[in-house]
C-alpha cells in the first residue's frame, strides 16, 4: 500500500511555467517519469466524468529516493478566484 500525501493549490500560472518552477524547486536529480498511455487515458476519463479538464500531469522520480514519486497535476477549473487547481502528490513506498 502506498502512502500518499496530497497538497492542493489555486493558481493562474500556466502548466508549462508551473512545471518549470516546480522542477527547479525539486532540485537536482529529479527527472520526469514517462507516464503510460493507459494511465493518461484513465486520468483523462476520470477528469471528464467529473466535468474537469486536465491542464497537465507529470510524475517525478529521483534515484536518491527510489521509493518516492512526486506528481504535479493541474486541472482547469475556477477555484478560489484562480483559473487552475493544482495537486502535488507525494507517493511514498511507490514501486
PDB file of N, CA and C in Angstrom:
ATOM      1  N   UNK A   1       0.845  -1.177   0.000  1.00  0.00           N
ATOM      2  CA  UNK A   1       0.000   0.000   0.000  1.00  0.00           C
ATOM      3  C   UNK A   1       0.886   1.234   0.000  1.00  0.00           C
ATOM      4  N   UNK A   2       0.624   2.125  -0.903  1.00  0.00           N
ATOM      5  CA  UNK A   2       1.400   3.354  -0.967  1.00  0.00           C
ATOM      6  C   UNK A   2       0.916   4.333   0.092  1.00  0.00           C
ATOM      7  N   UNK A   3       1.844   5.101   0.603  1.00  0.00           N
ATOM      8  CA  UNK A   3       1.499   6.212   1.486  1.00  0.00           C
ATOM      9  C   UNK A   3       1.433   7.436   0.597  1.00  0.00           C
ATOM     10  N   UNK A   4       0.324   8.165   0.655  1.00  0.00           N
ATOM     11  CA  UNK A   4       0.113   9.284  -0.249  1.00  0.00           C
ATOM     12  C   UNK A   4      -0.231  10.540   0.537  1.00  0.00           C
ATOM     13  N   UNK A   5       0.426  11.640   0.175  1.00  0.00           N
ATOM     14  CA  UNK A   5       0.101  12.960   0.701  1.00  0.00           C
ATOM     15  C   UNK A   5      -0.266  13.823  -0.489  1.00  0.00           C
ATOM     16  N   UNK A   6      -1.343  14.601  -0.378  1.00  0.00           N
ATOM     17  CA  UNK A   6      -1.773  15.466  -1.469  1.00  0.00           C
ATOM     18  C   UNK A   6      -1.894  16.893  -0.949  1.00  0.00           C
ATOM     19  N   UNK A   7      -1.280  17.790  -1.681  1.00  0.00           N
ATOM     20  CA  UNK A   7      -1.332  19.222  -1.370  1.00  0.00           C
ATOM     21  C   UNK A   7      -1.995  19.921  -2.547  1.00  0.00           C
ATOM     22  N   UNK A   8      -2.978  20.770  -2.282  1.00  0.00           N
ATOM     23  CA  UNK A   8      -3.722  21.436  -3.346  1.00  0.00           C
ATOM     24  C   UNK A   8      -3.527  22.947  -3.273  1.00  0.00           C
ATOM     25  N   UNK A   9      -3.439  23.539  -4.452  1.00  0.00           N
ATOM     26  CA  UNK A   9      -3.215  24.978  -4.564  1.00  0.00           C
ATOM     27  C   UNK A   9      -4.065  25.543  -5.686  1.00  0.00           C
ATOM     28  N   UNK A  10      -4.439  26.799  -5.561  1.00  0.00           N
ATOM     29  CA  UNK A  10      -5.123  27.523  -6.629  1.00  0.00           C
ATOM     30  C   UNK A  10      -4.105  28.471  -7.258  1.00  0.00           C
ATOM     31  N   UNK A  11      -4.130  28.576  -8.597  1.00  0.00           N
ATOM     32  CA  UNK A  11      -3.158  29.418  -9.286  1.00  0.00           C
ATOM     33  C   UNK A  11      -3.695  29.898 -10.625  1.00  0.00           C
ATOM     34  N   UNK A  12      -3.040  30.896 -11.183  1.00  0.00           N
ATOM     35  CA  UNK A  12      -3.314  31.356 -12.542  1.00  0.00           C
ATOM     36  C   UNK A  12      -2.145  31.048 -13.468  1.00  0.00           C
ATOM     37  N   UNK A  13      -1.135  30.359 -12.963  1.00  0.00           N
ATOM     38  CA  UNK A  13       0.077  30.066 -13.736  1.00  0.00           C
ATOM     39  C   UNK A  13      -0.182  28.918 -14.710  1.00  0.00           C
ATOM     40  N   UNK A  14       0.275  29.078 -15.954  1.00  0.00           N
ATOM     41  CA  UNK A  14       0.116  28.022 -16.961  1.00  0.00           C
ATOM     42  C   UNK A  14       0.898  26.779 -16.537  1.00  0.00           C
ATOM     43  N   UNK A  15       0.510  25.610 -17.062  1.00  0.00           N
ATOM     44  CA  UNK A  15       1.171  24.367 -16.670  1.00  0.00           C
ATOM     45  C   UNK A  15       2.641  24.372 -17.073  1.00  0.00           C
ATOM     46  N   UNK A  16       2.959  24.922 -18.230  1.00  0.00           N
ATOM     47  CA  UNK A  16       4.352  24.948 -18.690  1.00  0.00           C
ATOM     48  C   UNK A  16       5.222  25.722 -17.692  1.00  0.00           C
ATOM     49  N   UNK A  17       4.765  26.897 -17.278  1.00  0.00           N
ATOM     50  CA  UNK A  17       5.528  27.693 -16.315  1.00  0.00           C
ATOM     51  C   UNK A  17       5.539  27.018 -14.943  1.00  0.00           C
ATOM     52  N   UNK A  18       4.404  26.474 -14.538  1.00  0.00           N
ATOM     53  CA  UNK A  18       4.312  25.795 -13.251  1.00  0.00           C
ATOM     54  C   UNK A  18       5.274  24.612 -13.186  1.00  0.00           C
ATOM     55  N   UNK A  19       5.303  23.814 -14.236  1.00  0.00           N
ATOM     56  CA  UNK A  19       6.190  22.649 -14.292  1.00  0.00           C
ATOM     57  C   UNK A  19       7.655  23.093 -14.225  1.00  0.00           C
ATOM     58  N   UNK A  20       7.987  24.165 -14.931  1.00  0.00           N
ATOM     59  CA  UNK A  20       9.348  24.687 -14.911  1.00  0.00           C
ATOM     60  C   UNK A  20       9.736  25.127 -13.496  1.00  0.00           C
ATOM     61  N   UNK A  21       8.863  25.884 -12.845  1.00  0.00           N
ATOM     62  CA  UNK A  21       9.128  26.345 -11.470  1.00  0.00           C
ATOM     63  C   UNK A  21       9.241  25.165 -10.500  1.00  0.00           C
ATOM     64  N   UNK A  22       8.355  24.187 -10.662  1.00  0.00           N
ATOM     65  CA  UNK A  22       8.334  23.038  -9.757  1.00  0.00           C
ATOM     66  C   UNK A  22       9.596  22.190  -9.932  1.00  0.00           C
ATOM     67  N   UNK A  23      10.034  22.021 -11.178  1.00  0.00           N
ATOM     68  CA  UNK A  23      11.258  21.262 -11.446  1.00  0.00           C
ATOM     69  C   UNK A  23      12.451  21.933 -10.773  1.00  0.00           C
ATOM     70  N   UNK A  24      12.526  23.256 -10.858  1.00  0.00           N
ATOM     71  CA  UNK A  24      13.609  23.988 -10.197  1.00  0.00           C
ATOM     72  C   UNK A  24      13.501  23.839  -8.676  1.00  0.00           C
ATOM     73  N   UNK A  25      12.278  23.870  -8.155  1.00  0.00           N
ATOM     74  CA  UNK A  25      12.058  23.724  -6.718  1.00  0.00           C
ATOM     75  C   UNK A  25      12.524  22.348  -6.224  1.00  0.00           C
ATOM     76  N   UNK A  26      12.207  21.298  -6.985  1.00  0.00           N
ATOM     77  CA  UNK A  26      12.608  19.952  -6.580  1.00  0.00           C
ATOM     78  C   UNK A  26      14.122  19.829  -6.513  1.00  0.00           C
ATOM     79  N   UNK A  27      14.812  20.462  -7.445  1.00  0.00           N
ATOM     80  CA  UNK A  27      16.268  20.464  -7.428  1.00  0.00           C
ATOM     81  C   UNK A  27      16.899  19.354  -8.244  1.00  0.00           C
ATOM     82  N   UNK A  28      18.184  19.239  -8.066  1.00  0.00           N
ATOM     83  CA  UNK A  28      18.996  18.315  -8.841  1.00  0.00           C
ATOM     84  C   UNK A  28      18.606  16.856  -8.594  1.00  0.00           C
ATOM     85  N   UNK A  29      18.678  16.067  -9.632  1.00  0.00           N
ATOM     86  CA  UNK A  29      18.442  14.635  -9.514  1.00  0.00           C
ATOM     87  C   UNK A  29      17.020  14.195  -9.824  1.00  0.00           C
ATOM     88  N   UNK A  30      16.076  15.114  -9.844  1.00  0.00           N
ATOM     89  CA  UNK A  30      14.690  14.760 -10.137  1.00  0.00           C
ATOM     90  C   UNK A  30      14.472  14.783 -11.643  1.00  0.00           C
ATOM     91  N   UNK A  31      13.822  13.757 -12.147  1.00  0.00           N
ATOM     92  CA  UNK A  31      13.546  13.680 -13.582  1.00  0.00           C
ATOM     93  C   UNK A  31      12.118  13.209 -13.804  1.00  0.00           C
ATOM     94  N   UNK A  32      11.622  13.501 -14.991  1.00  0.00           N
ATOM     95  CA  UNK A  32      10.262  13.107 -15.341  1.00  0.00           C
ATOM     96  C   UNK A  32      10.188  11.611 -15.603  1.00  0.00           C
ATOM     97  N   UNK A  33       9.169  11.004 -15.060  1.00  0.00           N
ATOM     98  CA  UNK A  33       8.885   9.602 -15.309  1.00  0.00           C
ATOM     99  C   UNK A  33       7.907   9.545 -16.464  1.00  0.00           C
ATOM    100  N   UNK A  34       8.196   8.724 -17.436  1.00  0.00           N
ATOM    101  CA  UNK A  34       7.261   8.606 -18.551  1.00  0.00           C
ATOM    102  C   UNK A  34       5.984   7.939 -18.072  1.00  0.00           C
ATOM    103  N   UNK A  35       4.853   8.599 -18.312  1.00  0.00           N
ATOM    104  CA  UNK A  35       3.559   8.074 -17.888  1.00  0.00           C
ATOM    105  C   UNK A  35       2.961   7.318 -19.064  1.00  0.00           C
ATOM    106  N   UNK A  36       2.511   6.104 -18.807  1.00  0.00           N
ATOM    107  CA  UNK A  36       1.968   5.279 -19.873  1.00  0.00           C
ATOM    108  C   UNK A  36       0.684   5.880 -20.443  1.00  0.00           C
ATOM    109  N   UNK A  37       0.392   5.525 -21.675  1.00  0.00           N
ATOM    110  CA  UNK A  37      -0.830   5.996 -22.331  1.00  0.00           C
ATOM    111  C   UNK A  37      -2.067   5.522 -21.571  1.00  0.00           C
ATOM    112  N   UNK A  38      -1.994   4.323 -20.966  1.00  0.00           N
ATOM    113  CA  UNK A  38      -3.116   3.791 -20.185  1.00  0.00           C
ATOM    114  C   UNK A  38      -3.425   4.692 -18.990  1.00  0.00           C
ATOM    115  N   UNK A  39      -2.383   5.098 -18.281  1.00  0.00           N
ATOM    116  CA  UNK A  39      -2.580   5.958 -17.116  1.00  0.00           C
ATOM    117  C   UNK A  39      -3.111   7.318 -17.548  1.00  0.00           C
ATOM    118  N   UNK A  40      -2.547   7.870 -18.630  1.00  0.00           N
ATOM    119  CA  UNK A  40      -3.030   9.157 -19.139  1.00  0.00           C
ATOM    120  C   UNK A  40      -4.507   9.059 -19.524  1.00  0.00           C
ATOM    121  N   UNK A  41      -4.892   7.960 -20.159  1.00  0.00           N
ATOM    122  CA  UNK A  41      -6.288   7.759 -20.557  1.00  0.00           C
ATOM    123  C   UNK A  41      -7.193   7.664 -19.326  1.00  0.00           C
ATOM    124  N   UNK A  42      -6.736   6.954 -18.290  1.00  0.00           N
ATOM    125  CA  UNK A  42      -7.507   6.845 -17.043  1.00  0.00           C
ATOM    126  C   UNK A  42      -7.720   8.206 -16.403  1.00  0.00           C
ATOM    127  N   UNK A  43      -6.647   9.001 -16.369  1.00  0.00           N
ATOM    128  CA  UNK A  43      -6.739  10.339 -15.770  1.00  0.00           C
ATOM    129  C   UNK A  43      -7.710  11.199 -16.563  1.00  0.00           C
ATOM    130  N   UNK A  44      -7.585  11.193 -17.886  1.00  0.00           N
ATOM    131  CA  UNK A  44      -8.468  11.993 -18.739  1.00  0.00           C
ATOM    132  C   UNK A  44      -9.923  11.564 -18.579  1.00  0.00           C
ATOM    133  N   UNK A  45     -10.156  10.248 -18.494  1.00  0.00           N
ATOM    134  CA  UNK A  45     -11.511   9.730 -18.333  1.00  0.00           C
ATOM    135  C   UNK A  45     -12.094  10.189 -16.993  1.00  0.00           C
ATOM    136  N   UNK A  46     -11.303  10.067 -15.945  1.00  0.00           N
ATOM    137  CA  UNK A  46     -11.747  10.471 -14.612  1.00  0.00           C
ATOM    138  C   UNK A  46     -12.064  11.967 -14.578  1.00  0.00           C
ATOM    139  N   UNK A  47     -11.228  12.758 -15.216  1.00  0.00           N
ATOM    140  CA  UNK A  47     -11.455  14.204 -15.269  1.00  0.00           C
ATOM    141  C   UNK A  47     -12.763  14.507 -16.009  1.00  0.00           C
ATOM    142  N   UNK A  48     -12.970  13.876 -17.147  1.00  0.00           N
ATOM    143  CA  UNK A  48     -14.177  14.107 -17.946  1.00  0.00           C
ATOM    144  C   UNK A  48     -15.433  13.715 -17.169  1.00  0.00           C
ATOM    145  N   UNK A  49     -15.364  12.593 -16.441  1.00  0.00           N
ATOM    146  CA  UNK A  49     -16.505  12.145 -15.644  1.00  0.00           C
ATOM    147  C   UNK A  49     -16.866  13.147 -14.556  1.00  0.00           C
ATOM    148  N   UNK A  50     -15.889  13.935 -14.126  1.00  0.00           N
ATOM    149  CA  UNK A  50     -16.117  14.931 -13.082  1.00  0.00           C
ATOM    150  C   UNK A  50     -16.201  16.350 -13.644  1.00  0.00           C
ATOM    151  N   UNK A  51     -16.449  16.420 -14.953  1.00  0.00           N
ATOM    152  CA  UNK A  51     -16.581  17.711 -15.648  1.00  0.00           C
ATOM    153  C   UNK A  51     -15.381  18.624 -15.433  1.00  0.00           C
ATOM    154  N   UNK A  52     -14.182  18.032 -15.432  1.00  0.00           N
ATOM    155  CA  UNK A  52     -12.948  18.792 -15.297  1.00  0.00           C
ATOM    156  C   UNK A  52     -12.074  18.540 -16.515  1.00  0.00           C
ATOM    157  N   UNK A  53     -11.207  19.492 -16.796  1.00  0.00           N
ATOM    158  CA  UNK A  53     -10.285  19.357 -17.912  1.00  0.00           C
ATOM    159  C   UNK A  53      -8.859  19.370 -17.370  1.00  0.00           C
ATOM    160  N   UNK A  54      -8.071  18.394 -17.798  1.00  0.00           N
ATOM    161  CA  UNK A  54      -6.691  18.274 -17.357  1.00  0.00           C
ATOM    162  C   UNK A  54      -5.841  19.336 -18.034  1.00  0.00           C
ATOM    163  N   UNK A  55      -5.142  20.134 -17.234  1.00  0.00           N
ATOM    164  CA  UNK A  55      -4.234  21.138 -17.780  1.00  0.00           C
ATOM    165  C   UNK A  55      -2.855  20.551 -18.014  1.00  0.00           C
ATOM    166  N   UNK A  56      -2.472  19.576 -17.200  1.00  0.00           N
ATOM    167  CA  UNK A  56      -1.181  18.909 -17.339  1.00  0.00           C
ATOM    168  C   UNK A  56      -0.943  17.960 -16.188  1.00  0.00           C
ATOM    169  N   UNK A  57      -0.088  16.983 -16.445  1.00  0.00           N
ATOM    170  CA  UNK A  57       0.205  15.970 -15.440  1.00  0.00           C
ATOM    171  C   UNK A  57       1.617  15.446 -15.667  1.00  0.00           C
ATOM    172  N   UNK A  58       2.400  15.369 -14.608  1.00  0.00           N
ATOM    173  CA  UNK A  58       3.753  14.830 -14.701  1.00  0.00           C
ATOM    174  C   UNK A  58       4.101  14.167 -13.375  1.00  0.00           C
ATOM    175  N   UNK A  59       4.929  13.131 -13.441  1.00  0.00           N
ATOM    176  CA  UNK A  59       5.415  12.449 -12.243  1.00  0.00           C
ATOM    177  C   UNK A  59       6.938  12.518 -12.268  1.00  0.00           C
ATOM    178  N   UNK A  60       7.519  12.840 -11.114  1.00  0.00           N
ATOM    179  CA  UNK A  60       8.968  12.958 -10.999  1.00  0.00           C
ATOM    180  C   UNK A  60       9.527  11.835 -10.123  1.00  0.00           C
ATOM    181  N   UNK A  61      10.744  11.409 -10.459  1.00  0.00           N
ATOM    182  CA  UNK A  61      11.467  10.404  -9.674  1.00  0.00           C
ATOM    183  C   UNK A  61      12.884  10.914  -9.423  1.00  0.00           C
ATOM    184  N   UNK A  62      13.529  10.296  -8.442  1.00  0.00           N
ATOM    185  CA  UNK A  62      14.915  10.643  -8.136  1.00  0.00           C
ATOM    186  C   UNK A  62      15.594   9.364  -7.657  1.00  0.00           C
ATOM    187  N   UNK A  63      16.713   9.008  -8.298  1.00  0.00           N
ATOM    188  CA  UNK A  63      17.422   7.776  -7.933  1.00  0.00           C
ATOM    189  C   UNK A  63      17.872   7.773  -6.470  1.00  0.00           C
ATOM    190  N   UNK A  64      18.071   8.955  -5.887  1.00  0.00           N
ATOM    191  CA  UNK A  64      18.475   9.039  -4.485  1.00  0.00           C
ATOM    192  C   UNK A  64      17.335   8.655  -3.537  1.00  0.00           C
ATOM    193  N   UNK A  65      16.103   8.706  -4.052  1.00  0.00           N
ATOM    194  CA  UNK A  65      14.913   8.350  -3.273  1.00  0.00           C
ATOM    195  C   UNK A  65      14.071   7.373  -4.101  1.00  0.00           C
ATOM    196  N   UNK A  66      14.522   6.131  -4.246  1.00  0.00           N
ATOM    197  CA  UNK A  66      13.886   5.192  -5.180  1.00  0.00           C
ATOM    198  C   UNK A  66      12.430   4.834  -4.872  1.00  0.00           C
ATOM    199  N   UNK A  67      11.999   5.008  -3.642  1.00  0.00           N
ATOM    200  CA  UNK A  67      10.626   4.640  -3.281  1.00  0.00           C
ATOM    201  C   UNK A  67       9.679   5.835  -3.222  1.00  0.00           C
ATOM    202  N   UNK A  68      10.125   6.970  -3.763  1.00  0.00           N
ATOM    203  CA  UNK A  68       9.303   8.179  -3.723  1.00  0.00           C
ATOM    204  C   UNK A  68       9.009   8.666  -5.131  1.00  0.00           C
ATOM    205  N   UNK A  69       7.761   9.024  -5.372  1.00  0.00           N
ATOM    206  CA  UNK A  69       7.327   9.654  -6.625  1.00  0.00           C
ATOM    207  C   UNK A  69       6.611  10.938  -6.235  1.00  0.00           C
ATOM    208  N   UNK A  70       6.791  11.973  -7.048  1.00  0.00           N
ATOM    209  CA  UNK A  70       6.109  13.238  -6.804  1.00  0.00           C
ATOM    210  C   UNK A  70       5.336  13.604  -8.060  1.00  0.00           C
ATOM    211  N   UNK A  71       4.033  13.739  -7.919  1.00  0.00           N
ATOM    212  CA  UNK A  71       3.179  14.079  -9.051  1.00  0.00           C
ATOM    213  C   UNK A  71       2.761  15.537  -9.011  1.00  0.00           C
ATOM    214  N   UNK A  72       2.644  16.132 -10.189  1.00  0.00           N
ATOM    215  CA  UNK A  72       2.159  17.501 -10.337  1.00  0.00           C
ATOM    216  C   UNK A  72       1.026  17.458 -11.349  1.00  0.00           C
ATOM    217  N   UNK A  73      -0.178  17.774 -10.905  1.00  0.00           N
ATOM    218  CA  UNK A  73      -1.359  17.708 -11.765  1.00  0.00           C
ATOM    219  C   UNK A  73      -2.097  19.038 -11.707  1.00  0.00           C
ATOM    220  N   UNK A  74      -2.427  19.556 -12.880  1.00  0.00           N
ATOM    221  CA  UNK A  74      -3.170  20.811 -12.963  1.00  0.00           C
ATOM    222  C   UNK A  74      -4.502  20.564 -13.653  1.00  0.00           C
ATOM    223  N   UNK A  75      -5.572  21.074 -13.036  1.00  0.00           N
ATOM    224  CA  UNK A  75      -6.906  20.968 -13.606  1.00  0.00           C
ATOM    225  C   UNK A  75      -7.428  22.354 -13.912  1.00  0.00           C
ATOM    226  N   UNK A  76      -8.021  22.506 -15.092  1.00  0.00           N
ATOM    227  CA  UNK A  76      -8.607  23.787 -15.457  1.00  0.00           C
ATOM    228  C   UNK A  76      -9.966  23.893 -14.789  1.00  0.00           C
ATOM    229  N   UNK A  77     -10.036  24.771 -13.803  1.00  0.00           N
ATOM    230  CA  UNK A  77     -11.296  24.999 -13.103  1.00  0.00           C
ATOM    231  C   UNK A  77     -11.182  26.251 -12.258  1.00  0.00           C
ATOM    232  N   UNK A  78     -12.257  26.958 -12.155  1.00  0.00           N
ATOM    233  CA  UNK A  78     -12.308  28.153 -11.319  1.00  0.00           C
ATOM    234  C   UNK A  78     -12.288  27.694  -9.865  1.00  0.00           C
ATOM    235  N   UNK A  79     -11.291  28.160  -9.105  1.00  0.00           N
ATOM    236  CA  UNK A  79     -11.163  27.750  -7.713  1.00  0.00           C
ATOM    237  C   UNK A  79     -10.541  28.890  -6.932  1.00  0.00           C
ATOM    238  N   UNK A  80     -11.233  29.380  -5.938  1.00  0.00           N
ATOM    239  CA  UNK A  80     -10.753  30.458  -5.082  1.00  0.00           C
ATOM    240  C   UNK A  80     -10.300  31.685  -5.897  1.00  0.00           C
ATOM    241  N   UNK A  81     -11.051  31.989  -6.962  1.00  0.00           N
ATOM    242  CA  UNK A  81     -10.742  33.143  -7.787  1.00  0.00           C
ATOM    243  C   UNK A  81      -9.592  32.945  -8.755  1.00  0.00           C
ATOM    244  N   UNK A  82      -9.093  31.734  -8.861  1.00  0.00           N
ATOM    245  CA  UNK A  82      -7.989  31.416  -9.765  1.00  0.00           C
ATOM    246  C   UNK A  82      -8.490  30.496 -10.873  1.00  0.00           C
ATOM    247  N   UNK A  83      -7.697  30.354 -11.927  1.00  0.00           N
ATOM    248  CA  UNK A  83      -8.109  29.573 -13.099  1.00  0.00           C
ATOM    249  C   UNK A  83      -7.830  28.077 -12.996  1.00  0.00           C
ATOM    250  N   UNK A  84      -6.907  27.703 -12.120  1.00  0.00           N
ATOM    251  CA  UNK A  84      -6.485  26.303 -12.056  1.00  0.00           C
ATOM    252  C   UNK A  84      -6.420  25.802 -10.613  1.00  0.00           C
ATOM    253  N   UNK A  85      -6.690  24.516 -10.462  1.00  0.00           N
ATOM    254  CA  UNK A  85      -6.447  23.814  -9.210  1.00  0.00           C
ATOM    255  C   UNK A  85      -5.261  22.895  -9.469  1.00  0.00           C
ATOM    256  N   UNK A  86      -4.265  22.949  -8.613  1.00  0.00           N
ATOM    257  CA  UNK A  86      -3.053  22.136  -8.767  1.00  0.00           C
ATOM    258  C   UNK A  86      -2.925  21.202  -7.577  1.00  0.00           C
ATOM    259  N   UNK A  87      -2.646  19.942  -7.860  1.00  0.00           N
ATOM    260  CA  UNK A  87      -2.362  18.971  -6.806  1.00  0.00           C
ATOM    261  C   UNK A  87      -0.906  18.541  -6.912  1.00  0.00           C
ATOM    262  N   UNK A  88      -0.210  18.574  -5.789  1.00  0.00           N
ATOM    263  CA  UNK A  88       1.118  17.995  -5.669  1.00  0.00           C
ATOM    264  C   UNK A  88       0.913  16.742  -4.848  1.00  0.00           C
ATOM    265  N   UNK A  89       1.234  15.592  -5.427  1.00  0.00           N
ATOM    266  CA  UNK A  89       1.001  14.303  -4.774  1.00  0.00           C
ATOM    267  C   UNK A  89       2.346  13.648  -4.474  1.00  0.00           C
ATOM    268  N   UNK A  90       2.586  13.366  -3.209  1.00  0.00           N
ATOM    269  CA  UNK A  90       3.813  12.690  -2.794  1.00  0.00           C
ATOM    270  C   UNK A  90       3.446  11.245  -2.482  1.00  0.00           C
ATOM    271  N   UNK A  91       4.029  10.324  -3.231  1.00  0.00           N
ATOM    272  CA  UNK A  91       3.745   8.903  -3.069  1.00  0.00           C
ATOM    273  C   UNK A  91       4.979   8.231  -2.481  1.00  0.00           C
ATOM    274  N   UNK A  92       4.861   7.707  -1.278  1.00  0.00           N
ATOM    275  CA  UNK A  92       5.951   7.022  -0.612  1.00  0.00           C
ATOM    276  C   UNK A  92       5.749   5.516  -0.776  1.00  0.00           C
ATOM    277  N   UNK A  93       6.845   4.784  -0.775  1.00  0.00           N
ATOM    278  CA  UNK A  93       6.824   3.333  -0.987  1.00  0.00           C
ATOM    279  C   UNK A  93       6.233   2.991  -2.350  1.00  0.00           C
ATOM    280  N   UNK A  94       6.455   3.874  -3.322  1.00  0.00           N
ATOM    281  CA  UNK A  94       5.973   3.646  -4.688  1.00  0.00           C
ATOM    282  C   UNK A  94       6.937   2.715  -5.416  1.00  0.00           C
ATOM    283  N   UNK A  95       6.398   1.870  -6.200  1.00  0.00           N
ATOM    284  CA  UNK A  95       7.225   0.928  -6.994  1.00  0.00           C
ATOM    285  C   UNK A  95       6.927   1.107  -8.453  1.00  0.00           C
TER     286      UNK A  95
END
